[in-house]
Structure formats: structure tokens, C-alpha cells
């Protein structure tokens, strides 16, 4: 593991953020299924498994 400071414009950082954003969709079987895993308590800001 390595730490890399960035201002958010680094292409590697952007790619990692996209992968992290897509991961909950993969777990839920697609974006259309993701809604059933969203917690109503957090107003949809947290993914629950």
C-alpha cells in the first residue's frame, strides 16, 4: 500500500473513485436493484448489506 496526495485531478484517483462508486451496484445486482439496499434512516446515503 502506498499513500499518494492528490488534488482530485489524478487519473488514478478518478478511476479508483469510479470503481468504489460501482461496487455497491455490483453487490446489488445492478443499479436498478440498489434501491432495496439503501437505508431509509440515512436518507439513501449509506449502502446496507
PDB file of N, CA and C in Angstrom:
ATOM      1  N   UNK A   1       0.843  -1.158   0.000  1.00  0.00           N
ATOM      2  CA  UNK A   1       0.000   0.000   0.000  1.00  0.00           C
ATOM      3  C   UNK A   1       0.896   1.230   0.000  1.00  0.00           C
ATOM      4  N   UNK A   2       0.444   2.236  -0.708  1.00  0.00           N
ATOM      5  CA  UNK A   2       1.185   3.492  -0.699  1.00  0.00           C
ATOM      6  C   UNK A   2       0.209   4.652  -0.603  1.00  0.00           C
ATOM      7  N   UNK A   3       0.671   5.713  -0.024  1.00  0.00           N
ATOM      8  CA  UNK A   3      -0.133   6.920   0.101  1.00  0.00           C
ATOM      9  C   UNK A   3       0.288   7.888  -0.989  1.00  0.00           C
ATOM     10  N   UNK A   4      -0.685   8.522  -1.591  1.00  0.00           N
ATOM     11  CA  UNK A   4      -0.383   9.480  -2.638  1.00  0.00           C
ATOM     12  C   UNK A   4      -1.296  10.685  -2.449  1.00  0.00           C
ATOM     13  N   UNK A   5      -0.719  11.831  -2.263  1.00  0.00           N
ATOM     14  CA  UNK A   5      -1.506  13.044  -2.102  1.00  0.00           C
ATOM     15  C   UNK A   5      -1.931  13.545  -3.476  1.00  0.00           C
ATOM     16  N   UNK A   6      -3.189  13.947  -3.594  1.00  0.00           N
ATOM     17  CA  UNK A   6      -3.714  14.407  -4.877  1.00  0.00           C
ATOM     18  C   UNK A   6      -4.725  15.513  -4.655  1.00  0.00           C
ATOM     19  N   UNK A   7      -4.963  16.281  -5.672  1.00  0.00           N
ATOM     20  CA  UNK A   7      -5.970  17.332  -5.608  1.00  0.00           C
ATOM     21  C   UNK A   7      -7.298  16.847  -6.199  1.00  0.00           C
ATOM     22  N   UNK A   8      -7.375  15.577  -6.543  1.00  0.00           N
ATOM     23  CA  UNK A   8      -8.595  15.017  -7.111  1.00  0.00           C
ATOM     24  C   UNK A   8      -8.590  14.980  -8.620  1.00  0.00           C
ATOM     25  N   UNK A   9      -7.566  15.500  -9.250  1.00  0.00           N
ATOM     26  CA  UNK A   9      -7.481  15.500 -10.719  1.00  0.00           C
ATOM     27  C   UNK A   9      -6.610  14.361 -11.237  1.00  0.00           C
ATOM     28  N   UNK A  10      -5.992  13.609 -10.353  1.00  0.00           N
ATOM     29  CA  UNK A  10      -5.131  12.498 -10.743  1.00  0.00           C
ATOM     30  C   UNK A  10      -5.965  11.407 -11.399  1.00  0.00           C
ATOM     31  N   UNK A  11      -5.596  10.948 -12.601  1.00  0.00           N
ATOM     32  CA  UNK A  11      -6.378   9.915 -13.299  1.00  0.00           C
ATOM     33  C   UNK A  11      -6.531   8.613 -12.511  1.00  0.00           C
ATOM     34  N   UNK A  12      -5.510   8.224 -11.756  1.00  0.00           N
ATOM     35  CA  UNK A  12      -5.609   7.007 -10.947  1.00  0.00           C
ATOM     36  C   UNK A  12      -6.646   7.184  -9.835  1.00  0.00           C
ATOM     37  N   UNK A  13      -6.664   8.357  -9.232  1.00  0.00           N
ATOM     38  CA  UNK A  13      -7.631   8.657  -8.178  1.00  0.00           C
ATOM     39  C   UNK A  13      -9.052   8.642  -8.737  1.00  0.00           C
ATOM     40  N   UNK A  14      -9.240   9.228  -9.893  1.00  0.00           N
ATOM     41  CA  UNK A  14     -10.565   9.264 -10.527  1.00  0.00           C
ATOM     42  C   UNK A  14     -11.039   7.854 -10.857  1.00  0.00           C
ATOM     43  N   UNK A  15     -10.145   7.016 -11.379  1.00  0.00           N
ATOM     44  CA  UNK A  15     -10.505   5.632 -11.709  1.00  0.00           C
ATOM     45  C   UNK A  15     -10.880   4.859 -10.446  1.00  0.00           C
ATOM     46  N   UNK A  16     -10.137   5.053  -9.368  1.00  0.00           N
ATOM     47  CA  UNK A  16     -10.444   4.367  -8.117  1.00  0.00           C
ATOM     48  C   UNK A  16     -11.803   4.807  -7.581  1.00  0.00           C
ATOM     49  N   UNK A  17     -12.094   6.084  -7.632  1.00  0.00           N
ATOM     50  CA  UNK A  17     -13.396   6.579  -7.166  1.00  0.00           C
ATOM     51  C   UNK A  17     -14.533   5.963  -7.973  1.00  0.00           C
ATOM     52  N   UNK A  18     -14.357   5.838  -9.275  1.00  0.00           N
ATOM     53  CA  UNK A  18     -15.394   5.210 -10.108  1.00  0.00           C
ATOM     54  C   UNK A  18     -15.606   3.755  -9.712  1.00  0.00           C
ATOM     55  N   UNK A  19     -14.498   3.050  -9.467  1.00  0.00           N
ATOM     56  CA  UNK A  19     -14.620   1.647  -9.050  1.00  0.00           C
ATOM     57  C   UNK A  19     -15.337   1.545  -7.714  1.00  0.00           C
ATOM     58  N   UNK A  20     -15.018   2.430  -6.792  1.00  0.00           N
ATOM     59  CA  UNK A  20     -15.671   2.411  -5.478  1.00  0.00           C
ATOM     60  C   UNK A  20     -17.155   2.766  -5.593  1.00  0.00           C
ATOM     61  N   UNK A  21     -17.506   3.651  -6.505  1.00  0.00           N
ATOM     62  CA  UNK A  21     -18.910   4.012  -6.720  1.00  0.00           C
ATOM     63  C   UNK A  21     -19.688   2.868  -7.365  1.00  0.00           C
ATOM     64  N   UNK A  22     -19.035   2.090  -8.228  1.00  0.00           N
ATOM     65  CA  UNK A  22     -19.706   0.995  -8.938  1.00  0.00           C
ATOM     66  C   UNK A  22     -19.853  -0.263  -8.085  1.00  0.00           C
ATOM     67  N   UNK A  23     -19.025  -0.426  -7.076  1.00  0.00           N
ATOM     68  CA  UNK A  23     -19.013  -1.659  -6.292  1.00  0.00           C
ATOM     69  C   UNK A  23     -20.366  -1.976  -5.638  1.00  0.00           C
ATOM     70  N   UNK A  24     -21.046  -1.023  -4.982  1.00  0.00           N
ATOM     71  CA  UNK A  24     -22.355  -1.349  -4.397  1.00  0.00           C
ATOM     72  C   UNK A  24     -23.369  -1.808  -5.446  1.00  0.00           C
ATOM     73  N   UNK A  25     -23.280  -1.253  -6.648  1.00  0.00           N
ATOM     74  CA  UNK A  25     -24.178  -1.683  -7.722  1.00  0.00           C
ATOM     75  C   UNK A  25     -23.922  -3.146  -8.088  1.00  0.00           C
ATOM     76  N   UNK A  26     -22.665  -3.526  -8.134  1.00  0.00           N
ATOM     77  CA  UNK A  26     -22.327  -4.919  -8.438  1.00  0.00           C
ATOM     78  C   UNK A  26     -22.862  -5.846  -7.353  1.00  0.00           C
ATOM     79  N   UNK A  27     -22.726  -5.453  -6.103  1.00  0.00           N
ATOM     80  CA  UNK A  27     -23.219  -6.286  -5.000  1.00  0.00           C
ATOM     81  C   UNK A  27     -24.733  -6.466  -5.064  1.00  0.00           C
ATOM     82  N   UNK A  28     -25.430  -5.433  -5.470  1.00  0.00           N
ATOM     83  CA  UNK A  28     -26.893  -5.468  -5.503  1.00  0.00           C
ATOM     84  C   UNK A  28     -27.433  -6.093  -6.785  1.00  0.00           C
ATOM     85  N   UNK A  29     -26.563  -6.408  -7.729  1.00  0.00           N
ATOM     86  CA  UNK A  29     -27.022  -6.995  -8.987  1.00  0.00           C
ATOM     87  C   UNK A  29     -27.435  -5.950 -10.009  1.00  0.00           C
ATOM     88  N   UNK A  30     -26.926  -4.756  -9.892  1.00  0.00           N
ATOM     89  CA  UNK A  30     -27.227  -3.684 -10.830  1.00  0.00           C
ATOM     90  C   UNK A  30     -27.802  -2.467 -10.132  1.00  0.00           C
ATOM     91  N   UNK A  31     -27.663  -1.325 -10.784  1.00  0.00           N
ATOM     92  CA  UNK A  31     -28.122  -0.069 -10.189  1.00  0.00           C
ATOM     93  C   UNK A  31     -29.623  -0.096  -9.925  1.00  0.00           C
ATOM     94  N   UNK A  32     -30.395  -0.755 -10.787  1.00  0.00           N
ATOM     95  CA  UNK A  32     -31.839  -0.790 -10.606  1.00  0.00           C
ATOM     96  C   UNK A  32     -32.246  -1.553  -9.339  1.00  0.00           C
ATOM     97  N   UNK A  33     -31.415  -2.471  -8.873  1.00  0.00           N
ATOM     98  CA  UNK A  33     -31.701  -3.232  -7.656  1.00  0.00           C
ATOM     99  C   UNK A  33     -31.139  -2.584  -6.399  1.00  0.00           C
ATOM    100  N   UNK A  34     -30.310  -1.588  -6.578  1.00  0.00           N
ATOM    101  CA  UNK A  34     -29.612  -0.998  -5.443  1.00  0.00           C
ATOM    102  C   UNK A  34     -30.564  -0.326  -4.443  1.00  0.00           C
ATOM    103  N   UNK A  35     -31.662   0.214  -4.913  1.00  0.00           N
ATOM    104  CA  UNK A  35     -32.590   0.954  -4.050  1.00  0.00           C
ATOM    105  C   UNK A  35     -33.086   0.111  -2.879  1.00  0.00           C
ATOM    106  N   UNK A  36     -33.260  -1.190  -3.074  1.00  0.00           N
ATOM    107  CA  UNK A  36     -33.778  -2.020  -1.984  1.00  0.00           C
ATOM    108  C   UNK A  36     -32.751  -2.222  -0.873  1.00  0.00           C
ATOM    109  N   UNK A  37     -31.493  -1.838  -1.115  1.00  0.00           N
ATOM    110  CA  UNK A  37     -30.455  -1.984  -0.100  1.00  0.00           C
ATOM    111  C   UNK A  37     -30.096  -0.660   0.563  1.00  0.00           C
ATOM    112  N   UNK A  38     -30.755   0.416   0.176  1.00  0.00           N
ATOM    113  CA  UNK A  38     -30.478   1.733   0.745  1.00  0.00           C
ATOM    114  C   UNK A  38     -31.264   1.880   2.039  1.00  0.00           C
ATOM    115  N   UNK A  39     -30.605   2.359   3.063  1.00  0.00           N
ATOM    116  CA  UNK A  39     -31.236   2.534   4.358  1.00  0.00           C
ATOM    117  C   UNK A  39     -32.123   3.781   4.364  1.00  0.00           C
ATOM    118  N   UNK A  40     -33.393   3.645   4.720  1.00  0.00           N
ATOM    119  CA  UNK A  40     -34.260   4.824   4.792  1.00  0.00           C
ATOM    120  C   UNK A  40     -33.877   5.749   5.951  1.00  0.00           C
ATOM    121  N   UNK A  41     -33.175   5.220   6.935  1.00  0.00           N
ATOM    122  CA  UNK A  41     -32.769   6.010   8.096  1.00  0.00           C
ATOM    123  C   UNK A  41     -31.759   7.082   7.687  1.00  0.00           C
ATOM    124  N   UNK A  42     -30.889   6.764   6.737  1.00  0.00           N
ATOM    125  CA  UNK A  42     -29.843   7.696   6.336  1.00  0.00           C
ATOM    126  C   UNK A  42     -30.222   8.486   5.087  1.00  0.00           C
ATOM    127  N   UNK A  43     -31.487   8.421   4.692  1.00  0.00           N
ATOM    128  CA  UNK A  43     -31.947   9.132   3.504  1.00  0.00           C
ATOM    129  C   UNK A  43     -31.202   8.731   2.246  1.00  0.00           C
ATOM    130  N   UNK A  44     -30.823   7.455   2.165  1.00  0.00           N
ATOM    131  CA  UNK A  44     -30.199   6.956   0.962  1.00  0.00           C
ATOM    132  C   UNK A  44     -28.720   7.257   0.842  1.00  0.00           C
ATOM    133  N   UNK A  45     -28.066   7.649   1.911  1.00  0.00           N
ATOM    134  CA  UNK A  45     -26.655   7.983   1.810  1.00  0.00           C
ATOM    135  C   UNK A  45     -25.747   6.826   2.190  1.00  0.00           C
ATOM    136  N   UNK A  46     -26.301   5.700   2.624  1.00  0.00           N
ATOM    137  CA  UNK A  46     -25.466   4.565   3.024  1.00  0.00           C
ATOM    138  C   UNK A  46     -25.971   3.287   2.360  1.00  0.00           C
ATOM    139  N   UNK A  47     -25.041   2.457   1.986  1.00  0.00           N
ATOM    140  CA  UNK A  47     -25.356   1.176   1.381  1.00  0.00           C
ATOM    141  C   UNK A  47     -25.378   0.135   2.483  1.00  0.00           C
ATOM    142  N   UNK A  48     -26.457  -0.624   2.568  1.00  0.00           N
ATOM    143  CA  UNK A  48     -26.550  -1.637   3.622  1.00  0.00           C
ATOM    144  C   UNK A  48     -26.558  -3.028   3.006  1.00  0.00           C
ATOM    145  N   UNK A  49     -25.896  -3.950   3.679  1.00  0.00           N
ATOM    146  CA  UNK A  49     -25.857  -5.327   3.194  1.00  0.00           C
ATOM    147  C   UNK A  49     -26.523  -6.229   4.202  1.00  0.00           C
TER     148      UNK A  49
END
